[in-house]
Each structure stands twice: as C-alpha cells, then as structure tokens.
PDB file of N, CA and C in Angstrom:
ATOM      1  N   UNK A   1      55.764 -37.170  12.706  1.00  0.00           N
ATOM      2  CA  UNK A   1      56.707 -36.951  13.775  1.00  0.00           C
ATOM      3  C   UNK A   1      56.166 -37.619  15.044  1.00  0.00           C
ATOM      4  N   UNK A   2      57.001 -38.348  15.744  1.00  0.00           N
ATOM      5  CA  UNK A   2      56.556 -39.035  16.954  1.00  0.00           C
ATOM      6  C   UNK A   2      56.008 -38.059  17.988  1.00  0.00           C
ATOM      7  N   UNK A   3      54.893 -38.451  18.599  1.00  0.00           N
ATOM      8  CA  UNK A   3      54.286 -37.653  19.644  1.00  0.00           C
ATOM      9  C   UNK A   3      53.198 -36.716  19.173  1.00  0.00           C
ATOM     10  N   UNK A   4      53.030 -36.575  17.859  1.00  0.00           N
ATOM     11  CA  UNK A   4      52.041 -35.638  17.331  1.00  0.00           C
ATOM     12  C   UNK A   4      50.755 -36.330  16.905  1.00  0.00           C
ATOM     13  N   UNK A   5      50.705 -37.634  16.984  1.00  0.00           N
ATOM     14  CA  UNK A   5      49.544 -38.390  16.526  1.00  0.00           C
ATOM     15  C   UNK A   5      48.779 -38.987  17.700  1.00  0.00           C
ATOM     16  N   UNK A   6      47.466 -38.976  17.572  1.00  0.00           N
ATOM     17  CA  UNK A   6      46.641 -39.627  18.589  1.00  0.00           C
ATOM     18  C   UNK A   6      46.948 -41.118  18.663  1.00  0.00           C
ATOM     19  N   UNK A   7      47.452 -41.692  17.562  1.00  0.00           N
ATOM     20  CA  UNK A   7      47.828 -43.108  17.564  1.00  0.00           C
ATOM     21  C   UNK A   7      48.930 -43.390  18.587  1.00  0.00           C
ATOM     22  N   UNK A   8      49.824 -42.427  18.794  1.00  0.00           N
ATOM     23  CA  UNK A   8      50.929 -42.611  19.734  1.00  0.00           C
ATOM     24  C   UNK A   8      50.460 -42.836  21.166  1.00  0.00           C
ATOM     25  N   UNK A   9      49.237 -42.440  21.472  1.00  0.00           N
ATOM     26  CA  UNK A   9      48.715 -42.521  22.829  1.00  0.00           C
ATOM     27  C   UNK A   9      47.558 -43.495  22.957  1.00  0.00           C
ATOM     28  N   UNK A  10      47.354 -44.320  21.942  1.00  0.00           N
ATOM     29  CA  UNK A  10      46.262 -45.286  21.988  1.00  0.00           C
ATOM     30  C   UNK A  10      44.895 -44.635  21.896  1.00  0.00           C
ATOM     31  N   UNK A  11      44.840 -43.426  21.342  1.00  0.00           N
ATOM     32  CA  UNK A  11      43.596 -42.664  21.271  1.00  0.00           C
ATOM     33  C   UNK A  11      43.030 -42.583  19.862  1.00  0.00           C
ATOM     34  N   UNK A  12      43.588 -43.353  18.927  1.00  0.00           N
ATOM     35  CA  UNK A  12      43.098 -43.342  17.551  1.00  0.00           C
ATOM     36  C   UNK A  12      43.258 -44.717  16.930  1.00  0.00           C
ATOM     37  N   UNK A  13      42.373 -44.997  15.995  1.00  0.00           N
ATOM     38  CA  UNK A  13      42.460 -46.235  15.215  1.00  0.00           C
ATOM     39  C   UNK A  13      42.115 -45.923  13.769  1.00  0.00           C
ATOM     40  N   UNK A  14      42.499 -46.808  12.889  1.00  0.00           N
ATOM     41  CA  UNK A  14      42.130 -46.745  11.483  1.00  0.00           C
ATOM     42  C   UNK A  14      41.414 -48.034  11.145  1.00  0.00           C
ATOM     43  N   UNK A  15      40.297 -47.926  10.469  1.00  0.00           N
ATOM     44  CA  UNK A  15      39.463 -49.079  10.159  1.00  0.00           C
ATOM     45  C   UNK A  15      39.233 -49.189   8.661  1.00  0.00           C
ATOM     46  N   UNK A  16      38.989 -50.394   8.215  1.00  0.00           N
ATOM     47  CA  UNK A  16      38.591 -50.632   6.827  1.00  0.00           C
ATOM     48  C   UNK A  16      37.611 -51.792   6.809  1.00  0.00           C
ATOM     49  N   UNK A  17      36.712 -51.748   5.858  1.00  0.00           N
ATOM     50  CA  UNK A  17      35.749 -52.829   5.697  1.00  0.00           C
ATOM     51  C   UNK A  17      36.398 -53.930   4.862  1.00  0.00           C
ATOM     52  N   UNK A  18      36.423 -55.116   5.386  1.00  0.00           N
ATOM     53  CA  UNK A  18      36.979 -56.250   4.651  1.00  0.00           C
ATOM     54  C   UNK A  18      35.918 -57.316   4.464  1.00  0.00           C
ATOM     55  N   UNK A  19      35.840 -57.803   3.276  1.00  0.00           N
ATOM     56  CA  UNK A  19      34.941 -58.900   2.934  1.00  0.00           C
ATOM     57  C   UNK A  19      35.730 -59.868   2.061  1.00  0.00           C
ATOM     58  N   UNK A  20      35.335 -61.136   2.019  1.00  0.00           N
ATOM     59  CA  UNK A  20      36.079 -62.102   1.210  1.00  0.00           C
ATOM     60  C   UNK A  20      36.250 -61.664  -0.250  1.00  0.00           C
ATOM     61  N   UNK A  21      35.243 -60.999  -0.800  1.00  0.00           N
ATOM     62  CA  UNK A  21      35.347 -60.590  -2.201  1.00  0.00           C
ATOM     63  C   UNK A  21      36.350 -59.459  -2.421  1.00  0.00           C
ATOM     64  N   UNK A  22      36.836 -58.833  -1.338  1.00  0.00           N
ATOM     65  CA  UNK A  22      37.822 -57.772  -1.468  1.00  0.00           C
ATOM     66  C   UNK A  22      39.256 -58.295  -1.515  1.00  0.00           C
ATOM     67  N   UNK A  23      39.456 -59.573  -1.264  1.00  0.00           N
ATOM     68  CA  UNK A  23      40.802 -60.137  -1.188  1.00  0.00           C
ATOM     69  C   UNK A  23      41.589 -59.798  -2.455  1.00  0.00           C
ATOM     70  N   UNK A  24      42.745 -59.191  -2.251  1.00  0.00           N
ATOM     71  CA  UNK A  24      43.614 -58.839  -3.371  1.00  0.00           C
ATOM     72  C   UNK A  24      43.150 -57.625  -4.156  1.00  0.00           C
ATOM     73  N   UNK A  25      42.148 -56.900  -3.644  1.00  0.00           N
ATOM     74  CA  UNK A  25      41.625 -55.733  -4.344  1.00  0.00           C
ATOM     75  C   UNK A  25      41.695 -54.503  -3.442  1.00  0.00           C
ATOM     76  N   UNK A  26      41.627 -53.362  -4.051  1.00  0.00           N
ATOM     77  CA  UNK A  26      41.574 -52.108  -3.316  1.00  0.00           C
ATOM     78  C   UNK A  26      40.226 -52.021  -2.598  1.00  0.00           C
ATOM     79  N   UNK A  27      40.249 -51.904  -1.268  1.00  0.00           N
ATOM     80  CA  UNK A  27      39.001 -51.888  -0.509  1.00  0.00           C
ATOM     81  C   UNK A  27      38.514 -50.481  -0.206  1.00  0.00           C
ATOM     82  N   UNK A  28      39.380 -49.496  -0.268  1.00  0.00           N
ATOM     83  CA  UNK A  28      39.019 -48.157   0.193  1.00  0.00           C
ATOM     84  C   UNK A  28      37.839 -47.566  -0.578  1.00  0.00           C
ATOM     85  N   UNK A  29      37.779 -47.790  -1.873  1.00  0.00           N
ATOM     86  CA  UNK A  29      36.700 -47.221  -2.672  1.00  0.00           C
ATOM     87  C   UNK A  29      35.370 -47.918  -2.432  1.00  0.00           C
ATOM     88  N   UNK A  30      35.408 -49.111  -1.878  1.00  0.00           N
ATOM     89  CA  UNK A  30      34.192 -49.887  -1.663  1.00  0.00           C
ATOM     90  C   UNK A  30      33.612 -49.720  -0.261  1.00  0.00           C
ATOM     91  N   UNK A  31      34.372 -49.115   0.614  1.00  0.00           N
ATOM     92  CA  UNK A  31      33.928 -48.985   2.006  1.00  0.00           C
ATOM     93  C   UNK A  31      32.693 -48.099   2.096  1.00  0.00           C
ATOM     94  N   UNK A  32      31.959 -48.321   3.127  1.00  0.00           N
ATOM     95  CA  UNK A  32      30.724 -47.567   3.361  1.00  0.00           C
ATOM     96  C   UNK A  32      31.031 -46.391   4.289  1.00  0.00           C
ATOM     97  N   UNK A  33      31.744 -45.402   3.756  1.00  0.00           N
ATOM     98  CA  UNK A  33      32.214 -44.295   4.579  1.00  0.00           C
ATOM     99  C   UNK A  33      31.087 -43.502   5.230  1.00  0.00           C
ATOM    100  N   UNK A  34      29.953 -43.252   4.569  1.00  0.00           N
ATOM    101  CA  UNK A  34      28.886 -42.517   5.275  1.00  0.00           C
ATOM    102  C   UNK A  34      28.396 -43.251   6.528  1.00  0.00           C
ATOM    103  N   UNK A  35      28.246 -44.568   6.448  1.00  0.00           N
ATOM    104  CA  UNK A  35      27.810 -45.345   7.610  1.00  0.00           C
ATOM    105  C   UNK A  35      28.882 -45.344   8.698  1.00  0.00           C
ATOM    106  N   UNK A  36      30.134 -45.464   8.280  1.00  0.00           N
ATOM    107  CA  UNK A  36      31.254 -45.451   9.217  1.00  0.00           C
ATOM    108  C   UNK A  36      31.314 -44.098   9.933  1.00  0.00           C
ATOM    109  N   UNK A  37      31.201 -43.016   9.149  1.00  0.00           N
ATOM    110  CA  UNK A  37      31.227 -41.669   9.710  1.00  0.00           C
ATOM    111  C   UNK A  37      30.135 -41.503  10.770  1.00  0.00           C
ATOM    112  N   UNK A  38      28.950 -41.956  10.466  1.00  0.00           N
ATOM    113  CA  UNK A  38      27.821 -41.829  11.400  1.00  0.00           C
ATOM    114  C   UNK A  38      28.100 -42.588  12.696  1.00  0.00           C
ATOM    115  N   UNK A  39      28.645 -43.788  12.576  1.00  0.00           N
ATOM    116  CA  UNK A  39      28.958 -44.596  13.762  1.00  0.00           C
ATOM    117  C   UNK A  39      30.047 -43.939  14.602  1.00  0.00           C
ATOM    118  N   UNK A  40      31.095 -43.445  13.950  1.00  0.00           N
ATOM    119  CA  UNK A  40      32.194 -42.798  14.662  1.00  0.00           C
ATOM    120  C   UNK A  40      31.682 -41.573  15.421  1.00  0.00           C
ATOM    121  N   UNK A  41      30.932 -40.738  14.727  1.00  0.00           N
ATOM    122  CA  UNK A  41      30.432 -39.512  15.353  1.00  0.00           C
ATOM    123  C   UNK A  41      29.424 -39.806  16.457  1.00  0.00           C
ATOM    124  N   UNK A  42      28.601 -40.841  16.289  1.00  0.00           N
ATOM    125  CA  UNK A  42      27.626 -41.170  17.325  1.00  0.00           C
ATOM    126  C   UNK A  42      28.317 -41.677  18.591  1.00  0.00           C
ATOM    127  N   UNK A  43      29.536 -42.174  18.449  1.00  0.00           N
ATOM    128  CA  UNK A  43      30.314 -42.609  19.607  1.00  0.00           C
ATOM    129  C   UNK A  43      31.079 -41.450  20.247  1.00  0.00           C
ATOM    130  N   UNK A  44      30.932 -40.232  19.681  1.00  0.00           N
ATOM    131  CA  UNK A  44      31.608 -39.064  20.245  1.00  0.00           C
ATOM    132  C   UNK A  44      33.048 -38.914  19.821  1.00  0.00           C
ATOM    133  N   UNK A  45      33.430 -39.612  18.766  1.00  0.00           N
ATOM    134  CA  UNK A  45      34.802 -39.544  18.269  1.00  0.00           C
ATOM    135  C   UNK A  45      34.912 -38.571  17.101  1.00  0.00           C
ATOM    136  N   UNK A  46      36.134 -38.189  16.782  1.00  0.00           N
ATOM    137  CA  UNK A  46      36.421 -37.347  15.621  1.00  0.00           C
ATOM    138  C   UNK A  46      36.700 -38.267  14.446  1.00  0.00           C
ATOM    139  N   UNK A  47      36.057 -37.997  13.306  1.00  0.00           N
ATOM    140  CA  UNK A  47      36.274 -38.810  12.100  1.00  0.00           C
ATOM    141  C   UNK A  47      37.282 -38.124  11.196  1.00  0.00           C
ATOM    142  N   UNK A  48      38.236 -38.874  10.709  1.00  0.00           N
ATOM    143  CA  UNK A  48      39.264 -38.347   9.817  1.00  0.00           C
ATOM    144  C   UNK A  48      38.729 -37.821   8.495  1.00  0.00           C
ATOM    145  N   UNK A  49      37.515 -38.176   8.134  1.00  0.00           N
ATOM    146  CA  UNK A  49      36.913 -37.646   6.914  1.00  0.00           C
ATOM    147  C   UNK A  49      36.504 -36.194   7.047  1.00  0.00           C
ATOM    148  N   UNK A  50      36.543 -35.660   8.265  1.00  0.00           N
ATOM    149  CA  UNK A  50      36.172 -34.267   8.502  1.00  0.00           C
ATOM    150  C   UNK A  50      37.368 -33.350   8.714  1.00  0.00           C
ATOM    151  N   UNK A  51      38.558 -33.861   8.524  1.00  0.00           N
ATOM    152  CA  UNK A  51      39.732 -33.025   8.767  1.00  0.00           C
ATOM    153  C   UNK A  51      40.906 -33.501   7.925  1.00  0.00           C
ATOM    154  N   UNK A  52      41.933 -32.715   7.861  1.00  0.00           N
ATOM    155  CA  UNK A  52      43.108 -33.090   7.074  1.00  0.00           C
ATOM    156  C   UNK A  52      44.389 -33.056   7.887  1.00  0.00           C
ATOM    157  N   UNK A  53      44.266 -33.190   9.182  1.00  0.00           N
ATOM    158  CA  UNK A  53      45.443 -33.201  10.044  1.00  0.00           C
ATOM    159  C   UNK A  53      45.682 -31.871  10.729  1.00  0.00           C
ATOM    160  N   UNK A  54      45.074 -30.794  10.203  1.00  0.00           N
ATOM    161  CA  UNK A  54      45.221 -29.502  10.864  1.00  0.00           C
ATOM    162  C   UNK A  54      43.882 -28.977  11.361  1.00  0.00           C
ATOM    163  N   UNK A  55      42.887 -29.855  11.393  1.00  0.00           N
ATOM    164  CA  UNK A  55      41.576 -29.496  11.907  1.00  0.00           C
ATOM    165  C   UNK A  55      40.668 -28.811  10.911  1.00  0.00           C
ATOM    166  N   UNK A  56      41.144 -28.603   9.694  1.00  0.00           N
ATOM    167  CA  UNK A  56      40.347 -27.923   8.681  1.00  0.00           C
ATOM    168  C   UNK A  56      39.805 -28.928   7.677  1.00  0.00           C
ATOM    169  N   UNK A  57      38.576 -28.730   7.282  1.00  0.00           N
ATOM    170  CA  UNK A  57      37.949 -29.608   6.290  1.00  0.00           C
ATOM    171  C   UNK A  57      38.556 -29.329   4.915  1.00  0.00           C
ATOM    172  N   UNK A  58      39.069 -30.344   4.279  1.00  0.00           N
ATOM    173  CA  UNK A  58      39.652 -30.223   2.946  1.00  0.00           C
ATOM    174  C   UNK A  58      39.232 -31.445   2.148  1.00  0.00           C
ATOM    175  N   UNK A  59      38.335 -31.282   1.165  1.00  0.00           N
ATOM    176  CA  UNK A  59      37.815 -32.453   0.442  1.00  0.00           C
ATOM    177  C   UNK A  59      38.870 -33.225  -0.331  1.00  0.00           C
ATOM    178  N   UNK A  60      40.054 -32.667  -0.478  1.00  0.00           N
ATOM    179  CA  UNK A  60      41.115 -33.360  -1.218  1.00  0.00           C
ATOM    180  C   UNK A  60      42.088 -34.112  -0.319  1.00  0.00           C
ATOM    181  N   UNK A  61      41.898 -34.050   0.980  1.00  0.00           N
ATOM    182  CA  UNK A  61      42.903 -34.614   1.889  1.00  0.00           C
ATOM    183  C   UNK A  61      42.257 -35.250   3.108  1.00  0.00           C
ATOM    184  N   UNK A  62      41.361 -36.203   2.894  1.00  0.00           N
ATOM    185  CA  UNK A  62      40.706 -36.892   3.993  1.00  0.00           C
ATOM    186  C   UNK A  62      41.516 -38.082   4.465  1.00  0.00           C
ATOM    187  N   UNK A  63      41.291 -38.465   5.693  1.00  0.00           N
ATOM    188  CA  UNK A  63      41.838 -39.695   6.261  1.00  0.00           C
ATOM    189  C   UNK A  63      40.633 -40.534   6.663  1.00  0.00           C
ATOM    190  N   UNK A  64      39.921 -41.056   5.667  1.00  0.00           N
ATOM    191  CA  UNK A  64      38.633 -41.720   5.881  1.00  0.00           C
ATOM    192  C   UNK A  64      38.651 -42.852   6.894  1.00  0.00           C
ATOM    193  N   UNK A  65      39.679 -43.698   6.955  1.00  0.00           N
ATOM    194  CA  UNK A  65      39.646 -44.808   7.919  1.00  0.00           C
ATOM    195  C   UNK A  65      39.883 -44.385   9.375  1.00  0.00           C
ATOM    196  N   UNK A  66      40.287 -43.155   9.589  1.00  0.00           N
ATOM    197  CA  UNK A  66      40.756 -42.701  10.897  1.00  0.00           C
ATOM    198  C   UNK A  66      39.616 -42.238  11.802  1.00  0.00           C
ATOM    199  N   UNK A  67      39.771 -42.517  13.100  1.00  0.00           N
ATOM    200  CA  UNK A  67      38.930 -41.931  14.137  1.00  0.00           C
ATOM    201  C   UNK A  67      39.782 -41.754  15.382  1.00  0.00           C
ATOM    202  N   UNK A  68      39.420 -40.778  16.204  1.00  0.00           N
ATOM    203  CA  UNK A  68      40.194 -40.530  17.417  1.00  0.00           C
ATOM    204  C   UNK A  68      39.340 -39.872  18.476  1.00  0.00           C
ATOM    205  N   UNK A  69      39.834 -39.936  19.726  1.00  0.00           N
ATOM    206  CA  UNK A  69      39.174 -39.250  20.819  1.00  0.00           C
ATOM    207  C   UNK A  69      39.166 -37.751  20.552  1.00  0.00           C
ATOM    208  N   UNK A  70      38.084 -37.103  20.890  1.00  0.00           N
ATOM    209  CA  UNK A  70      37.983 -35.657  20.768  1.00  0.00           C
ATOM    210  C   UNK A  70      38.504 -35.027  22.053  1.00  0.00           C
ATOM    211  N   UNK A  71      39.570 -34.238  21.929  1.00  0.00           N
ATOM    212  CA  UNK A  71      40.127 -33.555  23.100  1.00  0.00           C
ATOM    213  C   UNK A  71      40.312 -32.068  22.784  1.00  0.00           C
ATOM    214  N   UNK A  72      40.389 -31.274  23.858  1.00  0.00           N
ATOM    215  CA  UNK A  72      40.492 -29.813  23.713  1.00  0.00           C
ATOM    216  C   UNK A  72      41.914 -29.320  23.489  1.00  0.00           C
ATOM    217  N   UNK A  73      42.902 -30.177  23.594  1.00  0.00           N
ATOM    218  CA  UNK A  73      44.282 -29.769  23.335  1.00  0.00           C
ATOM    219  C   UNK A  73      44.806 -30.597  22.172  1.00  0.00           C
ATOM    220  N   UNK A  74      45.884 -30.155  21.574  1.00  0.00           N
ATOM    221  CA  UNK A  74      46.452 -30.884  20.438  1.00  0.00           C
ATOM    222  C   UNK A  74      47.281 -32.074  20.923  1.00  0.00           C
ATOM    223  N   UNK A  75      47.390 -33.059  20.064  1.00  0.00           N
ATOM    224  CA  UNK A  75      48.224 -34.199  20.425  1.00  0.00           C
ATOM    225  C   UNK A  75      49.704 -33.823  20.418  1.00  0.00           C
ATOM    226  N   UNK A  76      50.085 -32.759  19.729  1.00  0.00           N
ATOM    227  CA  UNK A  76      51.471 -32.291  19.825  1.00  0.00           C
ATOM    228  C   UNK A  76      51.731 -31.751  21.235  1.00  0.00           C
ATOM    229  N   UNK A  77      50.728 -31.100  21.837  1.00  0.00           N
ATOM    230  CA  UNK A  77      50.852 -30.638  23.221  1.00  0.00           C
ATOM    231  C   UNK A  77      50.929 -31.833  24.169  1.00  0.00           C
ATOM    232  N   UNK A  78      50.142 -32.856  23.905  1.00  0.00           N
ATOM    233  CA  UNK A  78      50.214 -34.081  24.713  1.00  0.00           C
ATOM    234  C   UNK A  78      51.628 -34.654  24.622  1.00  0.00           C
ATOM    235  N   UNK A  79      52.209 -34.635  23.417  1.00  0.00           N
ATOM    236  CA  UNK A  79      53.576 -35.126  23.236  1.00  0.00           C
ATOM    237  C   UNK A  79      54.584 -34.324  24.053  1.00  0.00           C
ATOM    238  N   UNK A  80      54.409 -33.011  24.092  1.00  0.00           N
ATOM    239  CA  UNK A  80      55.313 -32.173  24.885  1.00  0.00           C
ATOM    240  C   UNK A  80      55.176 -32.502  26.373  1.00  0.00           C
ATOM    241  N   UNK A  81      53.948 -32.712  26.819  1.00  0.00           N
ATOM    242  CA  UNK A  81      53.726 -33.093  28.224  1.00  0.00           C
ATOM    243  C   UNK A  81      54.382 -34.442  28.504  1.00  0.00           C
ATOM    244  N   UNK A  82      54.230 -35.384  27.578  1.00  0.00           N
ATOM    245  CA  UNK A  82      54.846 -36.703  27.745  1.00  0.00           C
ATOM    246  C   UNK A  82      56.366 -36.582  27.882  1.00  0.00           C
ATOM    247  N   UNK A  83      56.977 -35.796  26.975  1.00  0.00           N
ATOM    248  CA  UNK A  83      58.435 -35.668  27.016  1.00  0.00           C
ATOM    249  C   UNK A  83      58.921 -34.966  28.284  1.00  0.00           C
ATOM    250  N   UNK A  84      58.118 -34.027  28.786  1.00  0.00           N
ATOM    251  CA  UNK A  84      58.527 -33.274  29.977  1.00  0.00           C
ATOM    252  C   UNK A  84      58.212 -33.992  31.292  1.00  0.00           C
ATOM    253  N   UNK A  85      57.047 -34.686  31.326  1.00  0.00           N
ATOM    254  CA  UNK A  85      56.577 -35.211  32.612  1.00  0.00           C
ATOM    255  C   UNK A  85      56.245 -36.695  32.625  1.00  0.00           C
ATOM    256  N   UNK A  86      56.304 -37.358  31.456  1.00  0.00           N
ATOM    257  CA  UNK A  86      56.060 -38.792  31.424  1.00  0.00           C
ATOM    258  C   UNK A  86      54.653 -39.174  30.982  1.00  0.00           C
ATOM    259  N   UNK A  87      54.464 -40.488  30.857  1.00  0.00           N
ATOM    260  CA  UNK A  87      53.224 -41.041  30.336  1.00  0.00           C
ATOM    261  C   UNK A  87      52.011 -40.746  31.221  1.00  0.00           C
ATOM    262  N   UNK A  88      52.177 -40.835  32.517  1.00  0.00           N
ATOM    263  CA  UNK A  88      51.055 -40.573  33.421  1.00  0.00           C
ATOM    264  C   UNK A  88      50.509 -39.164  33.238  1.00  0.00           C
ATOM    265  N   UNK A  89      51.389 -38.197  33.104  1.00  0.00           N
ATOM    266  CA  UNK A  89      50.960 -36.809  32.909  1.00  0.00           C
ATOM    267  C   UNK A  89      50.304 -36.628  31.548  1.00  0.00           C
ATOM    268  N   UNK A  90      50.828 -37.305  30.529  1.00  0.00           N
ATOM    269  CA  UNK A  90      50.220 -37.225  29.194  1.00  0.00           C
ATOM    270  C   UNK A  90      48.819 -37.832  29.210  1.00  0.00           C
ATOM    271  N   UNK A  91      48.667 -38.985  29.850  1.00  0.00           N
ATOM    272  CA  UNK A  91      47.346 -39.606  29.959  1.00  0.00           C
ATOM    273  C   UNK A  91      46.378 -38.707  30.725  1.00  0.00           C
ATOM    274  N   UNK A  92      46.860 -38.094  31.786  1.00  0.00           N
ATOM    275  CA  UNK A  92      46.005 -37.189  32.559  1.00  0.00           C
ATOM    276  C   UNK A  92      45.566 -36.010  31.694  1.00  0.00           C
ATOM    277  N   UNK A  93      46.473 -35.458  30.908  1.00  0.00           N
ATOM    278  CA  UNK A  93      46.136 -34.334  30.028  1.00  0.00           C
ATOM    279  C   UNK A  93      45.058 -34.740  29.026  1.00  0.00           C
ATOM    280  N   UNK A  94      45.170 -35.942  28.485  1.00  0.00           N
ATOM    281  CA  UNK A  94      44.159 -36.431  27.536  1.00  0.00           C
ATOM    282  C   UNK A  94      42.807 -36.529  28.222  1.00  0.00           C
ATOM    283  N   UNK A  95      42.746 -37.208  29.335  1.00  0.00           N
ATOM    284  CA  UNK A  95      41.463 -37.451  29.985  1.00  0.00           C
ATOM    285  C   UNK A  95      40.883 -36.203  30.646  1.00  0.00           C
ATOM    286  N   UNK A  96      41.745 -35.276  31.073  1.00  0.00           N
ATOM    287  CA  UNK A  96      41.254 -34.006  31.617  1.00  0.00           C
ATOM    288  C   UNK A  96      40.677 -33.114  30.516  1.00  0.00           C
ATOM    289  N   UNK A  97      41.035 -33.386  29.276  1.00  0.00           N
ATOM    290  CA  UNK A  97      40.621 -32.548  28.162  1.00  0.00           C
ATOM    291  C   UNK A  97      39.676 -33.232  27.191  1.00  0.00           C
ATOM    292  N   UNK A  98      39.075 -34.350  27.602  1.00  0.00           N
ATOM    293  CA  UNK A  98      38.102 -35.012  26.730  1.00  0.00           C
ATOM    294  C   UNK A  98      36.926 -34.093  26.466  1.00  0.00           C
ATOM    295  N   UNK A  99      36.507 -34.043  25.221  1.00  0.00           N
ATOM    296  CA  UNK A  99      35.309 -33.292  24.873  1.00  0.00           C
ATOM    297  C   UNK A  99      34.129 -34.227  25.103  1.00  0.00           C
ATOM    298  N   UNK A 100      33.177 -33.770  25.852  1.00  0.00           N
ATOM    299  CA  UNK A 100      32.026 -34.598  26.184  1.00  0.00           C
ATOM    300  C   UNK A 100      32.279 -35.550  27.328  1.00  0.00           C
ATOM    301  N   UNK A 101      33.458 -35.481  27.910  1.00  0.00           N
ATOM    302  CA  UNK A 101      33.794 -36.390  28.995  1.00  0.00           C
ATOM    303  C   UNK A 101      33.651 -35.784  30.346  1.00  0.00           C
TER     304      UNK A 101
END
C-alpha cells in the first residue's frame, strides 16, 4: 500500500550482489548475506533479514536485500503525516525520529 514503505520516502534500498558469472542465473542464493548484514548494521540501518515487515523475526519471511533507516515511528505513520501535512512534515517526522541520530 502506498505510503507504508520506507522506499516511498527514499529511506530504503534493496541490494543484490552481481557478478558476470551470475548473468542469466538466480543471484539471491549466491549472495553473501552475512557480510551484507554486517555492513548494513554497522552503518546503523535496519536489515530486512531481521524482520518480516511487522518488526518480528520470522526465518521463513526475510527480505534479505532490503535495508532502511531506523526510526522510532512506523512508515505508515509517516504516510499519514505526509497525506495530512505534506512532504516537508513527513521528512521532518523521519529525521526527528532517527534512531541514533
């Protein structure tokens, strides 16, 4: 649903490891997720491998390529702020609620 994803606010990305030998092949199983996880977490970001969209760890429902800014409010709340008060207010809510910021 629009407005509920950190991607909607430029606060999340999805990454994959690509090498020439992966061309035309499934790359997800070959990625170095432990190294990626360590890099994401060392940057103070939330790794999708630690959650399933509702903040709970579920080994059957990871989003391994995903990382996002860690904030104290939900992105659905950011979406409500955006719809009520505009982009500037949504951005302020994100940056006012950064964890570690």
